[in-house]
Amino acid sequence: MKRARLPRGEAVKIPPPYSFLLWVALFFIGGALGSFLCLCVRRVPKGLSVISPPSACETCLKPVKFYANIPVAGFFICRGACLRCGARFSLFYPAVETLCAASAVAAVYVFGLSFEALRYFIFLYALIAASAFDLSTMTVPDFITLPFAAAGILFSVPLGLFADAAVGGALGGGILLVAALIYKALKKKEGLGMGDVKLMAGVGTFVGAADVPSVILVASITGAIGGVAYLKLYGRAVSQIFPFAPFIAVSSFLFFFMG
């Protein structure tokens, strides 16, 4: 994964007395973005506004207490249940919030307060968003994948990586598109959604052309393992609407932390 720096792009140094506050703030900001993502996952597929009404229990439809909306901590303060009707909240929500919070911290830990930290947080956040939607709705929306790919191209320009990002995007999307077309020709049914194709194109704009084949290979291997696990758990073959975005995300995460 390309990690070229801006010529003048020294990371902002934070004096030790303020570093703890920085990590807390980053964790909270990332968690808040994760909380908003969960709200989008619940409402957007139903055509509901993400602005109003306020967050409510999905069982009794009563607004939740303000402290239940505190990223990550709110779930545990409420002991994972609605304080009005006692309905259990899904672990999906604190998991997404924690991943987003950890991504914000990880990006700044690796790159400092810099342009690259913002670039890689967007990279990680988009992958979490795509995975969250795919797991919940079995779709990866265009309003995630298209801005994701555009961001990868735009962020590559000041780093001098435009050509690599463009080729990486074309290669990432192209490989999965060819695989999807071959599968459909052989099996006479859809085997890979176009959302996954567009997501991989976005990943390619961030990781660059050289790493695209490896990301796809690892995603395919982890996806196959996931399919076998599904078969063992449920005793039936994986359906054609098996979510693949989480495996693209896992593979991309690995290349982020090891690249």
Foldseek 3Di string as FASTA:
>chain_A
DDDFAFPPWAADDDPVVCVVVVLVVLLQVQLLVLLLLVLCLVAVVVVHDSPDDADADPPPRHHADPLLSRGLVNCVVCPQAGPPPGHGHDPLSNVSSNQSSVLSNVLCVVRNRTLRSVLSSLVLNLLSSQLSNCVRPLARDPVSLVVLLVSLQVSVVSSVCNVQLQLQLCVQLVVVVVVQVVCCVVVVDGQDDSSNSSNRSSLRSNPGNVCSVVLVVQLVVVVVVVQVVCCVVPVDGDDSSDRSSNSSSVSSVVVVVVD
